[in-house]
Amino acid sequence: MSYLLLIVEPLGQRAERGPEAGREAYAQMQAYAERLQQRGVLQAVQSLATAQQRLQVRDGTARVTDGPFAEAKEMVGGFFLIDVASRDEALAIAAECPAAAWATVEVRELGPCFL
């Protein structure tokens, strides 16, 4: 089963942490990704930049809103896509994620959107 581990971090955390601490956090996340790769469960991984725009289509009209977004308190900072045997294994892998110490790791099973 495939699971998406979403790294949901407080907005502004990266700037507050500073460049040196940011590089250390990134190195920890890279090492984590390498361990998942070695275990054969990693399908994809990516860090995401701070959200700058949102798009909605309503009544056939596209509307783009530029950030920052006042209502946002968190942002998706990245993800790991893993393939494991069970939700329990996905949760165990999420618990090993270094980002769990400074963010939230949301575990979501992939599936059809119509169920």
Protein backbone atom coordinates (compact mmCIF):
# COMPACT_ATOMS: atom_id res chain seq x y z
CA MET A 1 0.00 0.00 0.00
CA SER A 2 1.20 3.48 -0.78
CA TYR A 3 1.16 6.20 1.86
CA LEU A 4 1.98 9.88 1.64
CA LEU A 5 3.82 11.34 4.61
CA LEU A 6 3.06 15.06 4.48
CA ILE A 7 5.38 17.30 6.45
CA VAL A 8 3.14 20.06 7.83
CA GLU A 9 5.22 22.78 9.43
CA PRO A 10 4.43 26.08 11.11
CA LEU A 11 4.46 29.00 8.68
CA GLY A 12 7.63 31.08 9.13
CA GLN A 13 9.52 28.32 10.92
CA ARG A 14 12.19 28.11 8.21
CA ALA A 15 13.04 31.80 8.47
CA GLU A 16 13.09 31.70 12.28
CA ARG A 17 15.40 28.69 12.32
CA GLY A 18 18.08 30.42 10.22
CA PRO A 19 20.38 29.10 7.48
CA GLU A 20 22.74 26.97 9.58
CA ALA A 21 19.98 25.18 11.49
CA GLY A 22 18.04 24.87 8.22
CA ARG A 23 20.96 23.11 6.54
CA GLU A 24 21.25 20.73 9.51
CA ALA A 25 17.52 19.94 9.38
CA TYR A 26 17.78 19.34 5.62
CA ALA A 27 20.76 17.02 6.14
CA GLN A 28 18.73 15.01 8.68
CA MET A 29 15.86 14.72 6.21
CA GLN A 30 18.22 13.62 3.41
CA ALA A 31 19.69 10.92 5.66
CA TYR A 32 16.16 9.77 6.52
CA ALA A 33 15.30 9.57 2.80
CA GLU A 34 18.46 7.55 2.15
CA ARG A 35 17.51 5.07 4.89
CA LEU A 36 14.03 4.66 3.37
CA GLN A 37 15.63 4.17 -0.06
CA GLN A 38 17.92 1.47 1.33
CA ARG A 39 14.90 -0.29 2.89
CA GLY A 40 13.23 -0.28 -0.52
CA VAL A 41 10.08 1.59 0.59
CA LEU A 42 10.71 5.08 -0.81
CA GLN A 43 8.86 5.92 -4.03
CA ALA A 44 9.36 9.70 -4.09
CA VAL A 45 10.47 12.56 -1.85
CA GLN A 46 10.48 16.32 -2.32
CA SER A 47 10.82 19.49 -0.31
CA LEU A 48 8.33 22.26 -1.15
CA ALA A 49 8.82 26.01 -1.16
CA THR A 50 6.50 28.28 0.78
CA ALA A 51 3.15 28.63 -1.01
CA GLN A 52 3.07 31.76 -3.16
CA GLN A 53 -0.16 31.36 -5.11
CA ARG A 54 -3.46 29.54 -4.96
CA LEU A 55 -5.80 28.87 -7.87
CA GLN A 56 -9.52 28.17 -7.86
CA VAL A 57 -11.93 27.80 -10.77
CA ARG A 58 -15.48 28.88 -9.98
CA ASP A 59 -18.23 29.11 -12.58
CA GLY A 60 -15.61 28.59 -15.30
CA THR A 61 -13.42 31.46 -14.15
CA ALA A 62 -9.92 30.92 -12.78
CA ARG A 63 -8.96 33.03 -9.80
CA VAL A 64 -5.34 33.26 -8.63
CA THR A 65 -4.60 34.57 -5.14
CA ASP A 66 -1.06 35.62 -4.27
CA GLY A 67 0.38 34.80 -0.85
CA PRO A 68 1.27 35.13 1.88
CA PHE A 69 -2.10 33.95 3.13
CA ALA A 70 -3.20 35.56 6.39
CA GLU A 71 -5.42 32.63 7.37
CA ALA A 72 -2.61 30.09 6.96
CA LYS A 73 -0.84 28.99 10.13
CA GLU A 74 0.90 25.98 8.56
CA MET A 75 2.29 24.93 5.22
CA VAL A 76 3.09 21.62 3.57
CA GLY A 77 6.88 21.68 3.58
CA GLY A 78 7.46 18.43 1.74
CA PHE A 79 6.48 14.82 1.38
CA PHE A 80 7.66 11.24 1.30
CA LEU A 81 5.75 8.73 -0.80
CA ILE A 82 6.30 5.24 0.58
CA ASP A 83 5.08 1.74 -0.26
CA VAL A 84 4.67 -0.50 2.79
CA ALA A 85 2.60 -3.49 3.89
CA SER A 86 0.36 -1.74 6.44
CA ARG A 87 -0.76 1.50 8.08
CA ASP A 88 1.11 0.43 11.21
CA GLU A 89 4.34 0.23 9.21
CA ALA A 90 3.64 3.64 7.67
CA LEU A 91 3.07 5.12 11.13
CA ALA A 92 6.29 3.53 12.43
CA ILE A 93 8.22 5.02 9.52
CA ALA A 94 6.60 8.42 10.13
CA ALA A 95 7.69 8.23 13.79
CA GLU A 96 11.31 7.89 12.59
CA CYS A 97 11.07 11.09 10.52
CA PRO A 98 13.29 13.85 11.93
CA ALA A 99 10.64 16.46 11.02
CA ALA A 100 8.30 14.96 13.61
CA ALA A 101 10.40 16.87 16.18
CA TRP A 102 9.62 20.30 14.64
CA ALA A 103 6.53 19.71 12.48
CA THR A 104 3.61 17.33 12.08
CA VAL A 105 3.89 14.25 9.88
CA GLU A 106 0.47 13.51 8.41
CA VAL A 107 0.09 9.90 7.22
CA ARG A 108 -2.36 9.44 4.34
CA GLU A 109 -3.09 6.29 2.38
CA LEU A 110 -3.38 6.83 -1.35
CA GLY A 111 -6.74 5.91 -2.80
CA PRO A 112 -9.44 6.97 -5.22
CA CYS A 113 -11.10 10.31 -4.55
CA PHE A 114 -14.62 8.97 -5.09
CA LEU A 115 -14.84 6.79 -1.98
